[in-house]
Amino acid sequence: MVDLQSQYQKIKPEIDVAIQEVLESSAYINGPSVKAFQTNLEKYLGVKHVIPCANGTDALQIAMMGLGLEQGDEVITADFTFAATVEVIALLKLTPVLVDVEAATFNMDIDALKKAITPKTKAIVPVHLFGQCANMDAVLEVAKAHNLYVIEDTAQAIGADYTFADGTVKKAGTMGDVGTTSFFPSKNLGCYGDGGAIFTNDDALAHKLVGIVNHGMYTRYYHDEVGVNSRLDSIQAAILNVKLPNLDAYCDARYKAAMYYNEAFKDYKNIETPVISDFSTHVFHQYTLKIHNVDRNALHQYLLDQGIPCAIYYPVPLHLQKAYADERYSEADFKVTNQLINQVLSLPMHTEFDEEQLAFITNKIIEFVTKK
């Protein structure tokens, strides 16, 4: 799905030097490369505070801890996404509330969000799925009306730009009270292990988050917060520092590949290509088709048999997962999600395609969907 080896070869000299510098310094935790990456990412995002941490799941958990959410508080998020988003809500003994998504964008349905709000609701977690932002004008309007926190899950959309109705442009993850991301290797900005970060413009919240990620300490052995052990190690930070200046080029390369796919499939009614919202750029962490009137599962297996990596994101919605099933949920509330799980198919998407590879992939898909 992602050609990380070819990407590495293009930046190998810089990566190798960056790693060697950490090895020679022996500053493996909270070394100079971590601070440098933090500063560089703050500049890139246009946000006051970046707090690096160990992974994207921790980032979500720490963000919720920092906001002081308490047991039983309801947190609304999308049903159609990876489990990490809801996992941390349940882990903290908060109450997850899942809502349906839009058929076009796969992002949170705003009408469903409004209907889900109760007196116990304390936060909304919009997930910027597959590489484009949720409708943040609407999300922030709802949050303001009900005095709710907004925690952006930007694990799949770092680098995306959101244009507000008034023309203001902000980066994904910098619009709510706090944003989170993952640097898992396959992400648009990925390290060579696990990594994550939290973003905020709130000085007091940032101070609290800095303590939480490091055992609740600001001064060694003095624990002012209930914290966790979640730090981005220096080697991963050094790698990310090399890759960050390439992030926009990486997103452009993914977009170019997506446009090739779009052009190849435009005349086939049983292949629905991704919709790009008017208010958000799309950085195509995933390129996800919707397949109509064709056996999606058979197509999936056919492509695998042809040596074409592809995946179904996501085969089971969160409300039907054993860990998160709840009698409060009605299937009538998840009509779109329940359709998507039978339609979606994500194709290879990365920065290193050549036209021959893209032609092979698209031709095999067209061959399958047009056969009698």
Protein backbone atom coordinates (compact mmCIF):
# COMPACT_ATOMS: atom_id res chain seq x y z
CA MET A 1 0.00 0.00 0.00
CA VAL A 2 2.93 2.37 0.76
CA ASP A 3 6.41 2.24 -0.81
CA LEU A 4 8.50 3.36 2.16
CA GLN A 5 11.69 1.77 0.86
CA SER A 6 11.82 3.89 -2.31
CA GLN A 7 10.95 7.00 -0.32
CA TYR A 8 13.81 6.28 2.08
CA GLN A 9 16.31 5.83 -0.73
CA LYS A 10 15.60 9.37 -1.98
CA ILE A 11 16.45 10.92 1.39
CA LYS A 12 18.88 8.26 2.61
CA PRO A 13 21.93 10.51 3.09
CA GLU A 14 20.02 13.02 5.23
CA ILE A 15 18.24 10.31 7.23
CA ASP A 16 21.44 8.38 7.90
CA VAL A 17 23.27 11.51 9.07
CA ALA A 18 20.36 12.50 11.33
CA ILE A 19 20.24 9.07 12.97
CA GLN A 20 24.03 8.97 13.36
CA GLU A 21 24.00 12.34 15.10
CA VAL A 22 21.57 11.01 17.70
CA LEU A 23 23.65 7.87 18.19
CA GLU A 24 26.81 9.92 18.70
CA SER A 25 25.10 12.28 21.14
CA SER A 26 23.47 9.40 23.07
CA ALA A 27 20.57 11.79 23.84
CA TYR A 28 17.93 9.20 23.06
CA ILE A 29 15.05 10.71 25.07
CA ASN A 30 14.12 14.41 24.86
CA GLY A 31 17.29 15.14 22.93
CA PRO A 32 17.92 18.22 20.78
CA SER A 33 16.22 16.63 17.76
CA VAL A 34 12.92 16.44 19.65
CA LYS A 35 12.96 20.14 20.48
CA ALA A 36 14.02 21.00 16.92
CA PHE A 37 11.18 18.96 15.42
CA GLN A 38 8.69 20.48 17.85
CA THR A 39 9.74 23.99 16.82
CA ASN A 40 9.73 23.18 13.11
CA LEU A 41 6.30 21.57 13.25
CA GLU A 42 4.90 24.56 15.16
CA LYS A 43 6.11 26.81 12.33
CA TYR A 44 4.71 24.52 9.64
CA LEU A 45 1.28 24.28 11.27
CA GLY A 46 1.11 27.88 12.43
CA VAL A 47 0.23 26.74 15.94
CA LYS A 48 1.66 28.01 19.25
CA HIS A 49 2.36 24.65 20.87
CA VAL A 50 3.30 21.18 19.61
CA ILE A 51 3.72 18.52 22.30
CA PRO A 52 5.41 15.40 20.86
CA CYS A 53 4.41 12.03 22.30
CA ALA A 54 4.86 8.31 21.69
CA ASN A 55 2.02 7.61 19.22
CA GLY A 56 -1.26 8.91 17.87
CA THR A 57 -3.43 6.91 20.25
CA ASP A 58 -1.58 8.37 23.22
CA ALA A 59 -2.03 11.81 21.69
CA LEU A 60 -5.82 11.42 21.81
CA GLN A 61 -5.76 10.05 25.35
CA ILE A 62 -3.47 12.80 26.64
CA ALA A 63 -5.58 15.49 24.96
CA MET A 64 -8.66 14.23 26.78
CA MET A 65 -6.76 14.00 30.06
CA GLY A 66 -5.53 17.55 29.61
CA LEU A 67 -9.06 18.86 29.11
CA GLY A 68 -10.09 17.37 32.43
CA LEU A 69 -12.89 15.19 31.08
CA GLU A 70 -14.42 13.09 33.85
CA GLN A 71 -15.93 9.62 34.10
CA GLY A 72 -19.33 9.51 32.45
CA ASP A 73 -18.81 12.60 30.28
CA GLU A 74 -20.04 11.94 26.75
CA VAL A 75 -17.68 12.36 23.82
CA ILE A 76 -19.12 12.31 20.30
CA THR A 77 -17.12 10.91 17.39
CA ALA A 78 -17.64 9.24 14.02
CA ASP A 79 -18.70 5.60 13.71
CA PHE A 80 -16.68 5.08 10.52
CA THR A 81 -13.04 5.29 11.55
CA PHE A 82 -10.21 3.35 13.17
CA ALA A 83 -10.83 2.12 16.71
CA ALA A 84 -8.13 4.27 18.36
CA THR A 85 -10.49 7.26 18.34
CA VAL A 86 -13.12 5.54 20.47
CA GLU A 87 -10.65 3.30 22.32
CA VAL A 88 -9.23 6.13 24.40
CA ILE A 89 -12.69 7.45 25.26
CA ALA A 90 -13.62 4.09 26.74
CA LEU A 91 -10.23 3.65 28.39
CA LEU A 92 -10.68 6.89 30.33
CA LYS A 93 -14.15 5.76 31.49
CA LEU A 94 -15.79 8.44 29.39
CA THR A 95 -18.90 7.57 27.40
CA PRO A 96 -18.39 7.22 23.65
CA VAL A 97 -21.26 8.41 21.48
CA LEU A 98 -20.96 7.31 17.85
CA VAL A 99 -22.64 9.11 14.96
CA ASP A 100 -23.05 8.45 11.26
CA VAL A 101 -20.92 9.99 8.51
CA GLU A 102 -21.53 11.70 5.19
CA ALA A 103 -21.73 9.40 2.18
CA ALA A 104 -19.64 11.73 0.02
CA THR A 105 -16.73 12.61 2.31
CA PHE A 106 -16.77 9.82 4.95
CA ASN A 107 -16.54 12.52 7.61
CA MET A 108 -18.89 13.24 10.52
CA ASP A 109 -22.49 14.03 9.59
CA ILE A 110 -23.36 17.37 11.19
CA ASP A 111 -27.09 16.64 11.54
CA ALA A 112 -26.24 13.39 13.31
CA LEU A 113 -23.84 15.30 15.56
CA LYS A 114 -26.55 17.78 16.54
CA LYS A 115 -29.02 15.01 17.35
CA ALA A 116 -26.48 13.22 19.57
CA ILE A 117 -25.89 16.11 21.98
CA THR A 118 -27.22 15.68 25.51
CA PRO A 119 -26.63 17.51 28.81
CA LYS A 120 -23.77 15.04 29.44
CA THR A 121 -21.93 15.86 26.20
CA LYS A 122 -18.58 17.50 26.86
CA ALA A 123 -16.51 17.07 23.68
CA ILE A 124 -16.61 16.38 19.95
CA VAL A 125 -13.87 14.46 18.14
CA PRO A 126 -14.12 15.13 14.39
CA VAL A 127 -11.95 12.68 12.47
CA HIS A 128 -10.38 14.10 9.31
CA LEU A 129 -10.69 10.78 7.53
CA PHE A 130 -8.55 9.58 4.62
CA GLY A 131 -6.89 12.99 4.17
CA GLN A 132 -9.46 15.79 4.18
CA CYS A 133 -10.98 17.85 6.95
CA ALA A 134 -14.43 17.43 8.39
CA ASN A 135 -16.80 20.41 8.17
CA MET A 136 -15.09 22.47 10.86
CA ASP A 137 -17.23 25.59 10.36
CA ALA A 138 -20.23 23.52 11.40
CA VAL A 139 -18.43 21.52 14.10
CA LEU A 140 -17.10 24.66 15.79
CA GLU A 141 -20.50 26.36 15.55
CA VAL A 142 -22.16 23.41 17.29
CA ALA A 143 -19.40 23.28 19.90
CA LYS A 144 -19.74 26.99 20.66
CA ALA A 145 -23.52 26.76 20.97
CA HIS A 146 -23.26 23.94 23.52
CA ASN A 147 -19.97 24.91 25.24
CA LEU A 148 -18.16 21.77 24.09
CA TYR A 149 -14.49 20.99 23.55
CA VAL A 150 -13.30 20.10 20.05
CA ILE A 151 -10.49 17.53 19.74
CA GLU A 152 -9.36 17.07 16.14
CA ASP A 153 -8.16 13.62 15.13
CA THR A 154 -5.70 14.52 12.38
CA ALA A 155 -3.88 11.18 12.14
CA GLN A 156 -4.78 10.87 8.45
CA ALA A 157 -4.80 14.51 7.36
CA ILE A 158 -1.66 16.29 8.50
CA GLY A 159 -0.79 18.87 5.87
CA ALA A 160 -4.38 19.45 4.75
CA ASP A 161 -5.65 23.05 4.59
CA TYR A 162 -9.12 24.10 5.69
CA THR A 163 -10.73 27.28 4.34
CA PHE A 164 -13.36 28.80 6.61
CA ALA A 165 -16.45 30.57 5.28
CA ASP A 166 -14.76 33.93 6.00
CA GLY A 167 -11.74 32.95 3.89
CA THR A 168 -9.40 32.18 6.81
CA VAL A 169 -7.14 29.19 6.10
CA LYS A 170 -5.84 26.89 8.83
CA LYS A 171 -4.02 23.59 8.91
CA ALA A 172 -5.82 20.41 9.95
CA GLY A 173 -5.45 19.92 13.69
CA THR A 174 -5.13 23.62 14.57
CA MET A 175 -8.79 24.69 14.58
CA GLY A 176 -10.26 23.12 17.70
CA ASP A 177 -9.21 23.33 21.34
CA VAL A 178 -6.62 20.66 20.65
CA GLY A 179 -5.48 18.52 17.73
CA THR A 180 -3.73 15.18 17.60
CA THR A 181 -1.80 13.22 15.01
CA SER A 182 0.14 10.03 14.41
CA PHE A 183 3.54 9.56 12.82
CA PHE A 184 3.02 5.85 12.12
CA PRO A 185 5.32 4.91 9.21
CA SER A 186 2.56 4.81 6.58
CA LYS A 187 1.24 8.30 7.38
CA ASN A 188 1.91 11.22 5.06
CA LEU A 189 4.47 12.36 7.63
CA GLY A 190 5.68 9.10 9.08
CA CYS A 191 8.67 8.10 11.17
CA TYR A 192 10.37 4.69 11.25
CA GLY A 193 8.54 3.44 14.31
CA ASP A 194 5.78 4.92 16.46
CA GLY A 195 5.29 8.60 17.15
CA GLY A 196 2.62 11.21 17.68
CA ALA A 197 1.95 14.81 18.65
CA ILE A 198 -0.63 17.12 20.17
CA PHE A 199 -1.30 20.69 18.97
CA THR A 200 -2.92 23.63 20.75
CA ASN A 201 -2.95 27.42 20.89
CA ASP A 202 -4.02 27.37 24.55
CA ASP A 203 -1.02 28.19 26.77
CA ALA A 204 -2.50 26.71 29.96
CA LEU A 205 -3.58 23.52 28.22
CA ALA A 206 -0.17 23.15 26.58
CA HIS A 207 1.53 23.45 29.97
CA LYS A 208 -0.68 20.71 31.35
CA LEU A 209 -0.06 18.43 28.36
CA VAL A 210 3.72 18.87 28.67
CA GLY A 211 3.47 17.53 32.20
CA ILE A 212 1.11 14.67 31.40
CA VAL A 213 3.34 13.17 28.67
CA ASN A 214 6.25 12.92 31.12
CA HIS A 215 4.78 11.23 34.21
CA GLY A 216 3.11 14.47 35.29
CA MET A 217 6.52 16.07 35.96
CA TYR A 218 7.75 19.59 35.25
CA THR A 219 10.65 19.18 37.68
CA ARG A 220 12.24 15.75 37.92
CA TYR A 221 10.70 13.63 40.71
CA TYR A 222 8.00 16.24 41.44
CA HIS A 223 4.68 15.01 40.05
CA ASP A 224 2.12 17.79 39.67
CA GLU A 225 -0.26 15.94 37.34
CA VAL A 226 -1.46 12.38 36.94
CA GLY A 227 0.60 11.55 33.90
CA VAL A 228 1.74 8.84 31.54
CA ASN A 229 5.01 7.84 29.93
CA SER A 230 4.60 8.95 26.33
CA ARG A 231 7.60 10.56 24.68
CA LEU A 232 8.73 10.83 21.08
CA ASP A 233 12.23 9.40 21.07
CA SER A 234 15.11 11.36 19.62
CA ILE A 235 15.80 9.05 16.66
CA GLN A 236 12.21 9.27 15.46
CA ALA A 237 12.25 13.05 15.90
CA ALA A 238 15.46 13.26 13.85
CA ILE A 239 13.81 11.27 11.05
CA LEU A 240 10.71 13.45 11.14
CA ASN A 241 12.87 16.56 11.01
CA VAL A 242 14.32 15.37 7.70
CA LYS A 243 10.92 14.44 6.31
CA LEU A 244 8.93 17.51 7.42
CA PRO A 245 10.34 19.83 4.70
CA ASN A 246 9.16 17.22 2.17
CA LEU A 247 5.61 16.92 3.54
CA ASP A 248 3.96 19.27 1.04
CA ALA A 249 5.76 17.52 -1.83
CA TYR A 250 4.64 14.16 -0.46
CA CYS A 251 1.03 15.38 -0.32
CA ASP A 252 1.34 16.75 -3.87
CA ALA A 253 2.63 13.39 -5.11
CA ARG A 254 -0.30 11.59 -3.50
CA TYR A 255 -2.70 14.10 -5.03
CA LYS A 256 -1.16 13.55 -8.47
CA ALA A 257 -1.62 9.79 -8.12
CA ALA A 258 -5.22 10.34 -6.99
CA MET A 259 -5.93 12.46 -10.07
CA TYR A 260 -4.54 9.68 -12.27
CA TYR A 261 -6.94 7.25 -10.62
CA ASN A 262 -9.83 9.71 -11.01
CA GLU A 263 -9.18 10.17 -14.70
CA ALA A 264 -8.87 6.43 -15.31
CA PHE A 265 -12.16 5.64 -13.58
CA LYS A 266 -14.27 8.63 -14.64
CA ASP A 267 -16.32 6.77 -17.27
CA TYR A 268 -17.25 3.77 -15.10
CA LYS A 269 -20.50 4.21 -13.20
CA ASN A 270 -19.80 1.30 -10.86
CA ILE A 271 -16.60 2.97 -9.62
CA GLU A 272 -17.22 6.06 -7.48
CA THR A 273 -14.08 8.09 -6.89
CA PRO A 274 -13.41 10.21 -3.78
CA VAL A 275 -15.19 13.53 -3.36
CA ILE A 276 -13.08 16.55 -2.43
CA SER A 277 -14.88 19.10 -0.26
CA ASP A 278 -14.97 22.76 -1.30
CA PHE A 279 -13.58 23.79 2.09
CA SER A 280 -10.66 21.37 2.44
CA THR A 281 -7.68 20.24 0.45
CA HIS A 282 -7.23 16.46 0.28
CA VAL A 283 -3.83 14.97 1.09
CA PHE A 284 -4.95 11.41 0.21
CA HIS A 285 -3.63 9.40 3.09
CA GLN A 286 -5.96 6.82 1.56
CA TYR A 287 -7.53 6.73 -1.88
CA THR A 288 -10.86 5.08 -1.25
CA LEU A 289 -13.33 4.02 -3.94
CA LYS A 290 -16.96 3.10 -3.52
CA ILE A 291 -17.85 0.08 -5.63
CA HIS A 292 -21.43 -0.25 -6.93
CA ASN A 293 -23.20 -3.26 -8.48
CA VAL A 294 -19.99 -5.28 -8.42
CA ASP A 295 -18.86 -7.82 -5.82
CA ARG A 296 -16.50 -5.62 -3.80
CA ASN A 297 -15.05 -8.53 -1.84
CA ALA A 298 -14.36 -10.47 -5.04
CA LEU A 299 -12.63 -7.41 -6.53
CA HIS A 300 -10.56 -7.07 -3.37
CA GLN A 301 -9.39 -10.68 -3.63
CA TYR A 302 -8.79 -10.39 -7.38
CA LEU A 303 -6.47 -7.42 -6.88
CA LEU A 304 -4.57 -9.23 -4.14
CA ASP A 305 -4.20 -12.22 -6.47
CA GLN A 306 -2.74 -9.86 -9.09
CA GLY A 307 -0.15 -8.64 -6.59
CA ILE A 308 -1.90 -5.30 -6.04
CA PRO A 309 -2.09 -4.34 -2.36
CA CYS A 310 -5.50 -2.98 -1.38
CA ALA A 311 -7.55 -2.84 1.79
CA ILE A 312 -11.03 -2.39 3.18
CA TYR A 313 -11.08 0.56 5.58
CA TYR A 314 -13.23 -0.32 7.54
CA PRO A 315 -14.97 -3.72 7.38
CA VAL A 316 -16.85 -3.39 10.69
CA PRO A 317 -18.22 -0.09 12.05
CA LEU A 318 -17.36 0.81 15.61
CA HIS A 319 -20.93 0.46 16.85
CA LEU A 320 -20.85 -3.24 15.86
CA GLN A 321 -17.46 -3.99 17.39
CA LYS A 322 -17.75 -6.23 20.47
CA ALA A 323 -15.73 -3.82 22.58
CA TYR A 324 -17.97 -0.83 21.81
CA ALA A 325 -21.42 -2.34 21.25
CA ASP A 326 -24.12 -0.51 23.21
CA GLU A 327 -27.86 -0.95 23.45
CA ARG A 328 -28.26 2.81 22.98
CA TYR A 329 -27.42 2.42 19.29
CA SER A 330 -30.01 1.81 16.60
CA GLU A 331 -29.07 0.55 13.14
CA ALA A 332 -31.35 3.22 11.69
CA ASP A 333 -28.87 5.81 12.97
CA PHE A 334 -25.99 4.38 10.92
CA LYS A 335 -27.47 4.02 7.43
CA VAL A 336 -24.49 5.54 5.62
CA THR A 337 -21.82 3.71 7.61
CA ASN A 338 -23.63 0.40 7.14
CA GLN A 339 -23.59 1.00 3.37
CA LEU A 340 -19.97 2.10 3.23
CA ILE A 341 -18.61 -1.03 4.88
CA ASN A 342 -19.91 -3.00 1.89
CA GLN A 343 -18.71 -0.54 -0.75
CA VAL A 344 -15.32 0.91 0.15
CA LEU A 345 -12.00 -0.25 -1.23
CA SER A 346 -8.72 1.60 -0.71
CA LEU A 347 -6.05 1.39 -3.39
CA PRO A 348 -2.27 1.72 -3.08
CA MET A 349 -1.42 5.35 -2.29
CA HIS A 350 2.05 6.74 -1.73
CA THR A 351 4.66 9.16 -3.02
CA GLU A 352 6.72 6.91 -5.28
CA PHE A 353 4.40 5.79 -8.10
CA ASP A 354 5.41 5.68 -11.72
CA GLU A 355 2.84 5.74 -14.51
CA GLU A 356 3.36 2.06 -15.34
CA GLN A 357 2.34 1.04 -11.82
CA LEU A 358 -0.74 3.25 -11.84
CA ALA A 359 -1.75 1.97 -15.28
CA PHE A 360 -1.41 -1.65 -14.13
CA ILE A 361 -3.59 -1.03 -11.07
CA THR A 362 -6.32 0.88 -12.89
CA ASN A 363 -6.42 -1.51 -15.85
CA LYS A 364 -6.88 -4.52 -13.57
CA ILE A 365 -9.76 -2.83 -11.75
CA ILE A 366 -11.46 -1.81 -15.00
CA GLU A 367 -10.92 -5.30 -16.37
CA PHE A 368 -12.73 -6.79 -13.38
CA VAL A 369 -15.69 -4.38 -13.18
CA THR A 370 -16.41 -4.59 -16.92
CA LYS A 371 -16.22 -8.34 -17.38
CA LYS A 372 -19.47 -10.06 -18.27
